[in-house]
Amino acid sequence: MPTIDVVIDLTYDECLAYYTGSVAHVRTRSLDGRRVVFPAEALRRVVSRDGVHGVYRLTFSTAGRFQHIQLLARR
């Protein structure tokens, strides 16, 4: 399955818009500079009281659909 590593730095308040569903997609950049878009609901799996801060590996199906998010390193 294809993976891509991204840096996400969002405060808890910034995550609320994603968490509540008022924002449908997260837009960020990969470590190699590519633009990445994935479902905001993925943040529900990794948000803490501090927000979401770190390097994450996103896993996609061969059809390009998001499947999993995994923390690689905290920032």
Protein backbone atom coordinates (compact mmCIF):
# COMPACT_ATOMS: atom_id res chain seq x y z
CA MET A 1 0.00 0.00 0.00
CA PRO A 2 1.31 3.47 -0.80
CA THR A 3 2.42 5.63 2.12
CA ILE A 4 3.41 9.25 2.48
CA ASP A 5 5.00 11.01 5.46
CA VAL A 6 3.66 14.43 6.46
CA VAL A 7 4.25 17.01 9.16
CA ILE A 8 1.12 18.12 11.00
CA ASP A 9 1.17 20.99 13.51
CA LEU A 10 -2.32 21.95 14.67
CA THR A 11 -3.39 23.37 18.03
CA TYR A 12 -6.34 21.80 19.80
CA ASP A 13 -8.53 24.74 18.76
CA GLU A 14 -7.49 24.32 15.12
CA CYS A 15 -8.34 20.61 15.36
CA LEU A 16 -11.88 21.38 16.53
CA ALA A 17 -12.93 22.53 13.05
CA TYR A 18 -11.63 19.25 11.65
CA TYR A 19 -12.96 17.14 14.52
CA THR A 20 -16.49 18.54 14.45
CA GLY A 21 -16.77 18.00 10.73
CA SER A 22 -17.01 21.65 9.66
CA VAL A 23 -13.85 21.07 7.62
CA ALA A 24 -13.89 17.89 5.51
CA HIS A 25 -10.25 17.58 4.41
CA VAL A 26 -6.80 18.34 5.79
CA ARG A 27 -4.35 19.88 3.36
CA THR A 28 -0.66 19.64 4.18
CA ARG A 29 2.71 18.93 2.59
CA SER A 30 4.72 15.76 2.64
CA LEU A 31 8.32 15.65 3.80
CA ASP A 32 9.38 15.62 0.14
CA GLY A 33 7.25 18.67 -0.75
CA ARG A 34 4.17 17.08 -2.33
CA ARG A 35 0.71 18.45 -1.54
CA VAL A 36 -1.39 15.95 0.39
CA VAL A 37 -5.13 15.93 1.06
CA PHE A 38 -6.75 13.42 3.40
CA PRO A 39 -10.05 13.14 5.32
CA ALA A 40 -10.23 15.31 8.43
CA GLU A 41 -11.86 12.49 10.35
CA ALA A 42 -8.42 10.82 10.42
CA LEU A 43 -7.33 13.41 13.00
CA ARG A 44 -9.81 11.97 15.49
CA ARG A 45 -7.46 9.02 15.89
CA VAL A 46 -4.44 11.15 16.84
CA VAL A 47 -5.68 14.41 18.43
CA SER A 48 -4.68 15.08 22.04
CA ARG A 49 -5.25 17.97 24.46
CA ASP A 50 -2.30 19.71 22.79
CA GLY A 51 -3.62 19.19 19.25
CA VAL A 52 -1.76 17.24 16.59
CA HIS A 53 1.99 17.79 16.39
CA GLY A 54 4.43 15.50 14.68
CA VAL A 55 5.46 13.52 11.68
CA TYR A 56 2.79 11.06 10.58
CA ARG A 57 2.71 8.28 8.02
CA LEU A 58 -0.47 8.16 5.95
CA THR A 59 -1.39 4.88 4.28
CA PHE A 60 -3.57 4.81 1.18
CA SER A 61 -5.15 2.01 -0.83
CA THR A 62 -3.88 1.34 -4.33
CA ALA A 63 -6.96 3.30 -5.48
CA GLY A 64 -5.74 6.34 -3.52
CA ARG A 65 -8.24 6.20 -0.65
CA PHE A 66 -7.01 7.04 2.87
CA GLN A 67 -6.74 4.02 5.18
CA HIS A 68 -4.54 4.74 8.21
CA ILE A 69 -2.54 7.38 10.08
CA GLN A 70 0.45 6.52 12.28
CA LEU A 71 2.65 8.77 14.44
CA LEU A 72 6.32 8.48 13.52
CA ALA A 73 7.80 11.26 15.68
CA ARG A 74 6.50 13.95 18.02
CA ARG A 75 7.45 17.59 17.48
